Amino acid sequence: MTQTTPRKVPRGIQQKGDRPPLSPEEIARRKAEKEAFADRCREIFWRVYPDLVKEHYDWFIYIEPDSGDYFLDSDRDVARQKAKQKYPGAVLMAMCVNETGAVGKI
């Protein structure tokens, strides 16, 4: 029987050595794409927020920015299932209908 021991990997070192490191241009491109995606989702959120906050405070909303559709439910998993049912391969953004739109606890 063999025993494995956990190996500590120093910070900044890749755990999977078979992938080449990303170039600074690729890192910047990915960051810009993420920010553009988040901006499109936030734009939809703040557009529908005034209508939703009165009746659906602290509900979860999943936003699909390409179509502008959003899915709302008091249960986070149900809202996600609704969104994934209509857009199975899409990247979605989860938000909460409250003052900040933040999801989770600090």
PDB file of N, CA and C in Angstrom:
ATOM      1  N   MET A   1       0.845  -1.169   0.000  1.00  0.00           N
ATOM      2  CA  MET A   1       0.000   0.000   0.000  1.00  0.00           C
ATOM      3  C   MET A   1       0.893   1.235   0.000  1.00  0.00           C
ATOM      4  N   THR A   2       0.597   2.148  -0.867  1.00  0.00           N
ATOM      5  CA  THR A   2       1.387   3.371  -0.933  1.00  0.00           C
ATOM      6  C   THR A   2       0.643   4.495  -0.249  1.00  0.00           C
ATOM      7  N   GLN A   3       1.409   5.348   0.367  1.00  0.00           N
ATOM      8  CA  GLN A   3       0.825   6.512   1.022  1.00  0.00           C
ATOM      9  C   GLN A   3       1.254   7.754   0.262  1.00  0.00           C
ATOM     10  N   THR A   4       0.314   8.656   0.132  1.00  0.00           N
ATOM     11  CA  THR A   4       0.651   9.921  -0.506  1.00  0.00           C
ATOM     12  C   THR A   4       0.730  10.991   0.558  1.00  0.00           C
ATOM     13  N   THR A   5       1.652  11.870   0.365  1.00  0.00           N
ATOM     14  CA  THR A   5       1.770  12.996   1.287  1.00  0.00           C
ATOM     15  C   THR A   5       1.468  14.267   0.519  1.00  0.00           C
ATOM     16  N   PRO A   6       0.740  15.176   1.136  1.00  0.00           N
ATOM     17  CA  PRO A   6       0.437  16.417   0.430  1.00  0.00           C
ATOM     18  C   PRO A   6       1.707  17.219   0.168  1.00  0.00           C
ATOM     19  N   ARG A   7       1.786  17.778  -1.003  1.00  0.00           N
ATOM     20  CA  ARG A   7       2.959  18.552  -1.388  1.00  0.00           C
ATOM     21  C   ARG A   7       2.570  20.018  -1.391  1.00  0.00           C
ATOM     22  N   LYS A   8       3.296  20.819  -0.666  1.00  0.00           N
ATOM     23  CA  LYS A   8       3.035  22.253  -0.650  1.00  0.00           C
ATOM     24  C   LYS A   8       3.671  22.883  -1.879  1.00  0.00           C
ATOM     25  N   VAL A   9       2.871  23.697  -2.544  1.00  0.00           N
ATOM     26  CA  VAL A   9       3.350  24.388  -3.735  1.00  0.00           C
ATOM     27  C   VAL A   9       3.546  25.846  -3.366  1.00  0.00           C
ATOM     28  N   PRO A  10       4.749  26.377  -3.555  1.00  0.00           N
ATOM     29  CA  PRO A  10       4.984  27.785  -3.228  1.00  0.00           C
ATOM     30  C   PRO A  10       4.102  28.700  -4.066  1.00  0.00           C
ATOM     31  N   ARG A  11       3.777  29.858  -3.506  1.00  0.00           N
ATOM     32  CA  ARG A  11       2.965  30.830  -4.236  1.00  0.00           C
ATOM     33  C   ARG A  11       3.656  31.243  -5.520  1.00  0.00           C
ATOM     34  N   GLY A  12       2.838  31.434  -6.545  1.00  0.00           N
ATOM     35  CA  GLY A  12       3.374  31.863  -7.825  1.00  0.00           C
ATOM     36  C   GLY A  12       3.843  30.724  -8.714  1.00  0.00           C
ATOM     37  N   ILE A  13       3.830  29.506  -8.194  1.00  0.00           N
ATOM     38  CA  ILE A  13       4.249  28.348  -8.971  1.00  0.00           C
ATOM     39  C   ILE A  13       2.991  27.618  -9.442  1.00  0.00           C
ATOM     40  N   GLN A  14       2.978  27.241 -10.709  1.00  0.00           N
ATOM     41  CA  GLN A  14       1.829  26.521 -11.243  1.00  0.00           C
ATOM     42  C   GLN A  14       1.768  25.120 -10.668  1.00  0.00           C
ATOM     43  N   GLN A  15       0.555  24.669 -10.364  1.00  0.00           N
ATOM     44  CA  GLN A  15       0.397  23.303  -9.890  1.00  0.00           C
ATOM     45  C   GLN A  15       0.388  22.327 -11.054  1.00  0.00           C
ATOM     46  N   LYS A  16      -0.124  22.762 -12.167  1.00  0.00           N
ATOM     47  CA  LYS A  16      -0.158  21.897 -13.340  1.00  0.00           C
ATOM     48  C   LYS A  16       0.917  22.388 -14.298  1.00  0.00           C
ATOM     49  N   GLY A  17       2.008  21.695 -14.358  1.00  0.00           N
ATOM     50  CA  GLY A  17       3.141  22.130 -15.150  1.00  0.00           C
ATOM     51  C   GLY A  17       3.001  21.887 -16.636  1.00  0.00           C
ATOM     52  N   ASP A  18       1.937  21.173 -17.062  1.00  0.00           N
ATOM     53  CA  ASP A  18       1.802  20.871 -18.478  1.00  0.00           C
ATOM     54  C   ASP A  18       1.223  22.030 -19.281  1.00  0.00           C
ATOM     55  N   ARG A  19       0.764  23.073 -18.613  1.00  0.00           N
ATOM     56  CA  ARG A  19       0.222  24.245 -19.310  1.00  0.00           C
ATOM     57  C   ARG A  19       1.263  25.357 -19.348  1.00  0.00           C
ATOM     58  N   PRO A  20       1.405  25.982 -20.503  1.00  0.00           N
ATOM     59  CA  PRO A  20       2.338  27.114 -20.552  1.00  0.00           C
ATOM     60  C   PRO A  20       1.743  28.312 -19.815  1.00  0.00           C
ATOM     61  N   PRO A  21       2.573  29.144 -19.221  1.00  0.00           N
ATOM     62  CA  PRO A  21       2.048  30.318 -18.521  1.00  0.00           C
ATOM     63  C   PRO A  21       1.411  31.292 -19.512  1.00  0.00           C
ATOM     64  N   LEU A  22       0.414  32.016 -19.040  1.00  0.00           N
ATOM     65  CA  LEU A  22      -0.266  32.991 -19.892  1.00  0.00           C
ATOM     66  C   LEU A  22       0.599  34.230 -20.063  1.00  0.00           C
ATOM     67  N   SER A  23       0.536  34.777 -21.246  1.00  0.00           N
ATOM     68  CA  SER A  23       1.277  36.009 -21.507  1.00  0.00           C
ATOM     69  C   SER A  23       0.548  37.176 -20.846  1.00  0.00           C
ATOM     70  N   PRO A  24       1.241  38.266 -20.575  1.00  0.00           N
ATOM     71  CA  PRO A  24       0.571  39.437 -19.995  1.00  0.00           C
ATOM     72  C   PRO A  24      -0.565  39.956 -20.878  1.00  0.00           C
ATOM     73  N   GLU A  25      -0.413  39.830 -22.202  1.00  0.00           N
ATOM     74  CA  GLU A  25      -1.474  40.268 -23.111  1.00  0.00           C
ATOM     75  C   GLU A  25      -2.721  39.406 -22.953  1.00  0.00           C
ATOM     76  N   GLU A  26      -2.519  38.088 -22.807  1.00  0.00           N
ATOM     77  CA  GLU A  26      -3.649  37.173 -22.633  1.00  0.00           C
ATOM     78  C   GLU A  26      -4.346  37.424 -21.299  1.00  0.00           C
ATOM     79  N   ILE A  27      -3.583  37.676 -20.262  1.00  0.00           N
ATOM     80  CA  ILE A  27      -4.163  37.986 -18.949  1.00  0.00           C
ATOM     81  C   ILE A  27      -4.983  39.262 -19.034  1.00  0.00           C
ATOM     82  N   ALA A  28      -4.455  40.282 -19.695  1.00  0.00           N
ATOM     83  CA  ALA A  28      -5.174  41.553 -19.847  1.00  0.00           C
ATOM     84  C   ALA A  28      -6.439  41.370 -20.684  1.00  0.00           C
ATOM     85  N   ARG A  29      -6.366  40.548 -21.729  1.00  0.00           N
ATOM     86  CA  ARG A  29      -7.530  40.300 -22.580  1.00  0.00           C
ATOM     87  C   ARG A  29      -8.639  39.609 -21.795  1.00  0.00           C
ATOM     88  N   ARG A  30      -8.271  38.584 -21.012  1.00  0.00           N
ATOM     89  CA  ARG A  30      -9.267  37.861 -20.217  1.00  0.00           C
ATOM     90  C   ARG A  30      -9.899  38.765 -19.160  1.00  0.00           C
ATOM     91  N   LYS A  31      -9.081  39.602 -18.549  1.00  0.00           N
ATOM     92  CA  LYS A  31      -9.598  40.530 -17.546  1.00  0.00           C
ATOM     93  C   LYS A  31     -10.581  41.514 -18.175  1.00  0.00           C
ATOM     94  N   ALA A  32     -10.245  42.028 -19.360  1.00  0.00           N
ATOM     95  CA  ALA A  32     -11.135  42.964 -20.059  1.00  0.00           C
ATOM     96  C   ALA A  32     -12.447  42.289 -20.442  1.00  0.00           C
ATOM     97  N   GLU A  33     -12.390  41.022 -20.872  1.00  0.00           N
ATOM     98  CA  GLU A  33     -13.611  40.286 -21.210  1.00  0.00           C
ATOM     99  C   GLU A  33     -14.502  40.103 -19.984  1.00  0.00           C
ATOM    100  N   LYS A  34     -13.892  39.749 -18.848  1.00  0.00           N
ATOM    101  CA  LYS A  34     -14.667  39.574 -17.613  1.00  0.00           C
ATOM    102  C   LYS A  34     -15.326  40.877 -17.186  1.00  0.00           C
ATOM    103  N   GLU A  35     -14.583  41.965 -17.286  1.00  0.00           N
ATOM    104  CA  GLU A  35     -15.139  43.267 -16.897  1.00  0.00           C
ATOM    105  C   GLU A  35     -16.267  43.694 -17.828  1.00  0.00           C
ATOM    106  N   ALA A  36     -16.117  43.438 -19.129  1.00  0.00           N
ATOM    107  CA  ALA A  36     -17.174  43.785 -20.088  1.00  0.00           C
ATOM    108  C   ALA A  36     -18.426  42.953 -19.826  1.00  0.00           C
ATOM    109  N   PHE A  37     -18.246  41.672 -19.526  1.00  0.00           N
ATOM    110  CA  PHE A  37     -19.375  40.798 -19.199  1.00  0.00           C
ATOM    111  C   PHE A  37     -20.098  41.306 -17.954  1.00  0.00           C
ATOM    112  N   ALA A  38     -19.334  41.619 -16.912  1.00  0.00           N
ATOM    113  CA  ALA A  38     -19.927  42.111 -15.664  1.00  0.00           C
ATOM    114  C   ALA A  38     -20.644  43.438 -15.879  1.00  0.00           C
ATOM    115  N   ASP A  39     -20.077  44.311 -16.693  1.00  0.00           N
ATOM    116  CA  ASP A  39     -20.721  45.603 -16.972  1.00  0.00           C
ATOM    117  C   ASP A  39     -22.057  45.418 -17.680  1.00  0.00           C
ATOM    118  N   ARG A  40     -22.102  44.492 -18.652  1.00  0.00           N
ATOM    119  CA  ARG A  40     -23.365  44.239 -19.358  1.00  0.00           C
ATOM    120  C   ARG A  40     -24.422  43.684 -18.405  1.00  0.00           C
ATOM    121  N   CYS A  41     -24.004  42.785 -17.509  1.00  0.00           N
ATOM    122  CA  CYS A  41     -24.947  42.211 -16.540  1.00  0.00           C
ATOM    123  C   CYS A  41     -25.430  43.269 -15.554  1.00  0.00           C
ATOM    124  N   ARG A  42     -24.518  44.092 -15.057  1.00  0.00           N
ATOM    125  CA  ARG A  42     -24.909  45.137 -14.107  1.00  0.00           C
ATOM    126  C   ARG A  42     -25.861  46.145 -14.741  1.00  0.00           C
ATOM    127  N   GLU A  43     -25.654  46.439 -16.013  1.00  0.00           N
ATOM    128  CA  GLU A  43     -26.542  47.364 -16.719  1.00  0.00           C
ATOM    129  C   GLU A  43     -27.978  46.817 -16.734  1.00  0.00           C
ATOM    130  N   ILE A  44     -28.125  45.531 -17.028  1.00  0.00           N
ATOM    131  CA  ILE A  44     -29.454  44.905 -17.017  1.00  0.00           C
ATOM    132  C   ILE A  44     -30.016  44.908 -15.608  1.00  0.00           C
ATOM    133  N   PHE A  45     -29.179  44.582 -14.614  1.00  0.00           N
ATOM    134  CA  PHE A  45     -29.633  44.541 -13.222  1.00  0.00           C
ATOM    135  C   PHE A  45     -30.176  45.892 -12.777  1.00  0.00           C
ATOM    136  N   TRP A  46     -29.429  46.958 -13.015  1.00  0.00           N
ATOM    137  CA  TRP A  46     -29.869  48.275 -12.543  1.00  0.00           C
ATOM    138  C   TRP A  46     -31.061  48.798 -13.341  1.00  0.00           C
ATOM    139  N   ARG A  47     -31.258  48.277 -14.551  1.00  0.00           N
ATOM    140  CA  ARG A  47     -32.428  48.669 -15.331  1.00  0.00           C
ATOM    141  C   ARG A  47     -33.709  48.058 -14.749  1.00  0.00           C
ATOM    142  N   VAL A  48     -33.649  46.796 -14.292  1.00  0.00           N
ATOM    143  CA  VAL A  48     -34.848  46.124 -13.768  1.00  0.00           C
ATOM    144  C   VAL A  48     -34.977  46.249 -12.252  1.00  0.00           C
ATOM    145  N   TYR A  49     -33.932  46.680 -11.586  1.00  0.00           N
ATOM    146  CA  TYR A  49     -33.916  46.768 -10.119  1.00  0.00           C
ATOM    147  C   TYR A  49     -35.089  47.551  -9.529  1.00  0.00           C
ATOM    148  N   PRO A  50     -35.417  48.750 -10.005  1.00  0.00           N
ATOM    149  CA  PRO A  50     -36.505  49.512  -9.372  1.00  0.00           C
ATOM    150  C   PRO A  50     -37.848  48.778  -9.388  1.00  0.00           C
ATOM    151  N   ASP A  51     -38.103  48.008 -10.431  1.00  0.00           N
ATOM    152  CA  ASP A  51     -39.358  47.268 -10.514  1.00  0.00           C
ATOM    153  C   ASP A  51     -39.369  46.045  -9.595  1.00  0.00           C
ATOM    154  N   LEU A  52     -38.213  45.437  -9.391  1.00  0.00           N
ATOM    155  CA  LEU A  52     -38.150  44.181  -8.647  1.00  0.00           C
ATOM    156  C   LEU A  52     -37.980  44.356  -7.146  1.00  0.00           C
ATOM    157  N   VAL A  53     -37.332  45.417  -6.715  1.00  0.00           N
ATOM    158  CA  VAL A  53     -36.946  45.542  -5.311  1.00  0.00           C
ATOM    159  C   VAL A  53     -38.154  45.624  -4.381  1.00  0.00           C
ATOM    160  N   LYS A  54     -39.251  46.170  -4.841  1.00  0.00           N
ATOM    161  CA  LYS A  54     -40.426  46.323  -3.978  1.00  0.00           C
ATOM    162  C   LYS A  54     -41.028  44.981  -3.584  1.00  0.00           C
ATOM    163  N   GLU A  55     -41.140  44.069  -4.548  1.00  0.00           N
ATOM    164  CA  GLU A  55     -41.803  42.793  -4.290  1.00  0.00           C
ATOM    165  C   GLU A  55     -40.845  41.628  -4.085  1.00  0.00           C
ATOM    166  N   HIS A  56     -39.617  41.755  -4.537  1.00  0.00           N
ATOM    167  CA  HIS A  56     -38.697  40.615  -4.522  1.00  0.00           C
ATOM    168  C   HIS A  56     -37.389  40.936  -3.815  1.00  0.00           C
ATOM    169  N   TYR A  57     -37.440  41.651  -2.726  1.00  0.00           N
ATOM    170  CA  TYR A  57     -36.224  42.026  -2.002  1.00  0.00           C
ATOM    171  C   TYR A  57     -35.532  40.768  -1.477  1.00  0.00           C
ATOM    172  N   ASP A  58     -34.228  40.699  -1.646  1.00  0.00           N
ATOM    173  CA  ASP A  58     -33.367  39.580  -1.250  1.00  0.00           C
ATOM    174  C   ASP A  58     -33.618  38.302  -2.045  1.00  0.00           C
ATOM    175  N   TRP A  59     -34.244  38.401  -3.190  1.00  0.00           N
ATOM    176  CA  TRP A  59     -34.375  37.260  -4.082  1.00  0.00           C
ATOM    177  C   TRP A  59     -33.127  37.204  -4.957  1.00  0.00           C
ATOM    178  N   PHE A  60     -32.912  36.044  -5.565  1.00  0.00           N
ATOM    179  CA  PHE A  60     -31.752  35.848  -6.431  1.00  0.00           C
ATOM    180  C   PHE A  60     -32.155  36.050  -7.882  1.00  0.00           C
ATOM    181  N   ILE A  61     -31.252  36.641  -8.631  1.00  0.00           N
ATOM    182  CA  ILE A  61     -31.488  36.901 -10.046  1.00  0.00           C
ATOM    183  C   ILE A  61     -30.268  36.417 -10.825  1.00  0.00           C
ATOM    184  N   TYR A  62     -30.530  35.619 -11.856  1.00  0.00           N
ATOM    185  CA  TYR A  62     -29.479  35.177 -12.772  1.00  0.00           C
ATOM    186  C   TYR A  62     -29.688  35.911 -14.084  1.00  0.00           C
ATOM    187  N   ILE A  63     -28.636  36.507 -14.595  1.00  0.00           N
ATOM    188  CA  ILE A  63     -28.731  37.350 -15.780  1.00  0.00           C
ATOM    189  C   ILE A  63     -27.924  36.733 -16.915  1.00  0.00           C
ATOM    190  N   GLU A  64     -28.557  36.663 -18.093  1.00  0.00           N
ATOM    191  CA  GLU A  64     -27.891  36.239 -19.319  1.00  0.00           C
ATOM    192  C   GLU A  64     -27.757  37.490 -20.179  1.00  0.00           C
ATOM    193  N   PRO A  65     -26.560  38.079 -20.273  1.00  0.00           N
ATOM    194  CA  PRO A  65     -26.419  39.406 -20.871  1.00  0.00           C
ATOM    195  C   PRO A  65     -26.613  39.469 -22.383  1.00  0.00           C
ATOM    196  N   ASP A  66     -26.370  38.383 -23.100  1.00  0.00           N
ATOM    197  CA  ASP A  66     -26.495  38.435 -24.557  1.00  0.00           C
ATOM    198  C   ASP A  66     -27.948  38.621 -24.991  1.00  0.00           C
ATOM    199  N   SER A  67     -28.877  37.994 -24.279  1.00  0.00           N
ATOM    200  CA  SER A  67     -30.292  38.115 -24.626  1.00  0.00           C
ATOM    201  C   SER A  67     -30.994  39.180 -23.789  1.00  0.00           C
ATOM    202  N   GLY A  68     -30.433  39.493 -22.622  1.00  0.00           N
ATOM    203  CA  GLY A  68     -31.076  40.437 -21.714  1.00  0.00           C
ATOM    204  C   GLY A  68     -32.076  39.770 -20.793  1.00  0.00           C
ATOM    205  N   ASP A  69     -32.193  38.441 -20.867  1.00  0.00           N
ATOM    206  CA  ASP A  69     -33.127  37.714 -20.006  1.00  0.00           C
ATOM    207  C   ASP A  69     -32.579  37.600 -18.593  1.00  0.00           C
ATOM    208  N   TYR A  70     -33.495  37.526 -17.641  1.00  0.00           N
ATOM    209  CA  TYR A  70     -33.103  37.287 -16.259  1.00  0.00           C
ATOM    210  C   TYR A  70     -34.096  36.329 -15.632  1.00  0.00           C
ATOM    211  N   PHE A  71     -33.638  35.613 -14.618  1.00  0.00           N
ATOM    212  CA  PHE A  71     -34.431  34.585 -13.957  1.00  0.00           C
ATOM    213  C   PHE A  71     -34.397  34.864 -12.468  1.00  0.00           C
ATOM    214  N   LEU A  72     -35.563  34.866 -11.855  1.00  0.00           N
ATOM    215  CA  LEU A  72     -35.728  35.357 -10.495  1.00  0.00           C
ATOM    216  C   LEU A  72     -36.397  34.297  -9.637  1.00  0.00           C
ATOM    217  N   ASP A  73     -35.884  34.089  -8.434  1.00  0.00           N
ATOM    218  CA  ASP A  73     -36.533  33.201  -7.473  1.00  0.00           C
ATOM    219  C   ASP A  73     -35.958  33.481  -6.092  1.00  0.00           C
ATOM    220  N   SER A  74     -36.740  33.114  -5.068  1.00  0.00           N
ATOM    221  CA  SER A  74     -36.264  33.315  -3.698  1.00  0.00           C
ATOM    222  C   SER A  74     -35.194  32.292  -3.331  1.00  0.00           C
ATOM    223  N   ASP A  75     -35.162  31.162  -4.033  1.00  0.00           N
ATOM    224  CA  ASP A  75     -34.160  30.122  -3.811  1.00  0.00           C
ATOM    225  C   ASP A  75     -33.109  30.213  -4.920  1.00  0.00           C
ATOM    226  N   ARG A  76     -31.871  30.318  -4.520  1.00  0.00           N
ATOM    227  CA  ARG A  76     -30.781  30.497  -5.492  1.00  0.00           C
ATOM    228  C   ARG A  76     -30.694  29.338  -6.472  1.00  0.00           C
ATOM    229  N   ASP A  77     -30.846  28.109  -5.976  1.00  0.00           N
ATOM    230  CA  ASP A  77     -30.733  26.943  -6.849  1.00  0.00           C
ATOM    231  C   ASP A  77     -31.858  26.884  -7.876  1.00  0.00           C
ATOM    232  N   VAL A  78     -33.061  27.256  -7.469  1.00  0.00           N
ATOM    233  CA  VAL A  78     -34.201  27.247  -8.394  1.00  0.00           C
ATOM    234  C   VAL A  78     -33.994  28.288  -9.487  1.00  0.00           C
ATOM    235  N   ALA A  79     -33.529  29.470  -9.115  1.00  0.00           N
ATOM    236  CA  ALA A  79     -33.266  30.514 -10.109  1.00  0.00           C
ATOM    237  C   ALA A  79     -32.206  30.048 -11.101  1.00  0.00           C
ATOM    238  N   ARG A  80     -31.181  29.369 -10.602  1.00  0.00           N
ATOM    239  CA  ARG A  80     -30.122  28.866 -11.482  1.00  0.00           C
ATOM    240  C   ARG A  80     -30.661  27.788 -12.413  1.00  0.00           C
ATOM    241  N   GLN A  81     -31.497  26.895 -11.886  1.00  0.00           N
ATOM    242  CA  GLN A  81     -32.076  25.844 -12.720  1.00  0.00           C
ATOM    243  C   GLN A  81     -32.934  26.428 -13.840  1.00  0.00           C
ATOM    244  N   LYS A  82     -33.713  27.449 -13.519  1.00  0.00           N
ATOM    245  CA  LYS A  82     -34.535  28.109 -14.542  1.00  0.00           C
ATOM    246  C   LYS A  82     -33.651  28.669 -15.659  1.00  0.00           C
ATOM    247  N   ALA A  83     -32.567  29.318 -15.257  1.00  0.00           N
ATOM    248  CA  ALA A  83     -31.671  29.926 -16.238  1.00  0.00           C
ATOM    249  C   ALA A  83     -30.970  28.865 -17.081  1.00  0.00           C
ATOM    250  N   LYS A  84     -30.477  27.817 -16.444  1.00  0.00           N
ATOM    251  CA  LYS A  84     -29.751  26.770 -17.161  1.00  0.00           C
ATOM    252  C   LYS A  84     -30.673  25.951 -18.053  1.00  0.00           C
ATOM    253  N   GLN A  85     -31.955  25.903 -17.703  1.00  0.00           N
ATOM    254  CA  GLN A  85     -32.906  25.180 -18.537  1.00  0.00           C
ATOM    255  C   GLN A  85     -33.076  25.884 -19.885  1.00  0.00           C
ATOM    256  N   LYS A  86     -33.132  27.197 -19.860  1.00  0.00           N
ATOM    257  CA  LYS A  86     -33.310  27.949 -21.102  1.00  0.00           C
ATOM    258  C   LYS A  86     -31.986  28.177 -21.828  1.00  0.00           C
ATOM    259  N   TYR A  87     -30.915  28.413 -21.078  1.00  0.00           N
ATOM    260  CA  TYR A  87     -29.594  28.680 -21.660  1.00  0.00           C
ATOM    261  C   TYR A  87     -28.581  27.706 -21.059  1.00  0.00           C
ATOM    262  N   PRO A  88     -28.560  26.446 -21.526  1.00  0.00           N
ATOM    263  CA  PRO A  88     -27.712  25.438 -20.874  1.00  0.00           C
ATOM    264  C   PRO A  88     -26.211  25.701 -20.959  1.00  0.00           C
ATOM    265  N   GLY A  89     -25.738  26.315 -22.025  1.00  0.00           N
ATOM    266  CA  GLY A  89     -24.297  26.514 -22.156  1.00  0.00           C
ATOM    267  C   GLY A  89     -23.833  27.926 -21.897  1.00  0.00           C
ATOM    268  N   ALA A  90     -24.739  28.789 -21.511  1.00  0.00           N
ATOM    269  CA  ALA A  90     -24.403  30.207 -21.363  1.00  0.00           C
ATOM    270  C   ALA A  90     -23.701  30.489 -20.038  1.00  0.00           C
ATOM    271  N   VAL A  91     -22.897  31.527 -20.045  1.00  0.00           N
ATOM    272  CA  VAL A  91     -22.289  32.030 -18.821  1.00  0.00           C
ATOM    273  C   VAL A  91     -23.270  33.032 -18.227  1.00  0.00           C
ATOM    274  N   LEU A  92     -23.606  32.847 -16.962  1.00  0.00           N
ATOM    275  CA  LEU A  92     -24.606  33.672 -16.293  1.00  0.00           C
ATOM    276  C   LEU A  92     -23.967  34.416 -15.134  1.00  0.00           C
ATOM    277  N   MET A  93     -24.600  35.486 -14.721  1.00  0.00           N
ATOM    278  CA  MET A  93     -24.145  36.218 -13.541  1.00  0.00           C
ATOM    279  C   MET A  93     -25.244  36.161 -12.492  1.00  0.00           C
ATOM    280  N   ALA A  94     -24.871  35.774 -11.277  1.00  0.00           N
ATOM    281  CA  ALA A  94     -25.812  35.715 -10.166  1.00  0.00           C
ATOM    282  C   ALA A  94     -25.705  36.996  -9.358  1.00  0.00           C
ATOM    283  N   MET A  95     -26.860  37.555  -9.030  1.00  0.00           N
ATOM    284  CA  MET A  95     -26.907  38.744  -8.191  1.00  0.00           C
ATOM    285  C   MET A  95     -28.080  38.590  -7.236  1.00  0.00           C
ATOM    286  N   CYS A  96     -28.146  39.478  -6.274  1.00  0.00           N
ATOM    287  CA  CYS A  96     -29.236  39.478  -5.310  1.00  0.00           C
ATOM    288  C   CYS A  96     -29.949  40.822  -5.406  1.00  0.00           C
ATOM    289  N   VAL A  97     -31.282  40.780  -5.345  1.00  0.00           N
ATOM    290  CA  VAL A  97     -32.060  42.011  -5.456  1.00  0.00           C
ATOM    291  C   VAL A  97     -32.031  42.705  -4.090  1.00  0.00           C
ATOM    292  N   ASN A  98     -30.986  43.483  -3.867  1.00  0.00           N
ATOM    293  CA  ASN A  98     -30.852  44.298  -2.659  1.00  0.00           C
ATOM    294  C   ASN A  98     -30.114  45.580  -3.037  1.00  0.00           C
ATOM    295  N   GLU A  99     -29.676  46.339  -2.063  1.00  0.00           N
ATOM    296  CA  GLU A  99     -29.068  47.640  -2.357  1.00  0.00           C
ATOM    297  C   GLU A  99     -27.787  47.528  -3.168  1.00  0.00           C
ATOM    298  N   THR A 100     -27.017  46.468  -2.953  1.00  0.00           N
ATOM    299  CA  THR A 100     -25.716  46.349  -3.607  1.00  0.00           C
ATOM    300  C   THR A 100     -25.706  45.362  -4.763  1.00  0.00           C
ATOM    301  N   GLY A 101     -26.625  44.423  -4.769  1.00  0.00           N
ATOM    302  CA  GLY A 101     -26.617  43.375  -5.782  1.00  0.00           C
ATOM    303  C   GLY A 101     -25.685  42.239  -5.433  1.00  0.00           C
ATOM    304  N   ALA A 102     -25.032  42.323  -4.281  1.00  0.00           N
ATOM    305  CA  ALA A 102     -24.061  41.312  -3.884  1.00  0.00           C
ATOM    306  C   ALA A 102     -24.756  40.033  -3.437  1.00  0.00           C
ATOM    307  N   VAL A 103     -24.115  38.901  -3.733  1.00  0.00           N
ATOM    308  CA  VAL A 103     -24.613  37.596  -3.336  1.00  0.00           C
ATOM    309  C   VAL A 103     -23.660  37.039  -2.293  1.00  0.00           C
ATOM    310  N   GLY A 104     -24.194  36.449  -1.231  1.00  0.00           N
ATOM    311  CA  GLY A 104     -23.362  35.823  -0.222  1.00  0.00           C
ATOM    312  C   GLY A 104     -23.271  36.638   1.042  1.00  0.00           C
ATOM    313  N   LYS A 105     -22.484  36.112   1.979  1.00  0.00           N
ATOM    314  CA  LYS A 105     -22.320  36.758   3.277  1.00  0.00           C
ATOM    315  C   LYS A 105     -20.858  37.093   3.491  1.00  0.00           C
ATOM    316  N   ILE A 106     -20.635  38.146   4.232  1.00  0.00           N
ATOM    317  CA  ILE A 106     -19.260  38.534   4.550  1.00  0.00           C
ATOM    318  C   ILE A 106     -18.975  38.150   5.983  1.00  0.00           C
TER     319      ILE A 106
END
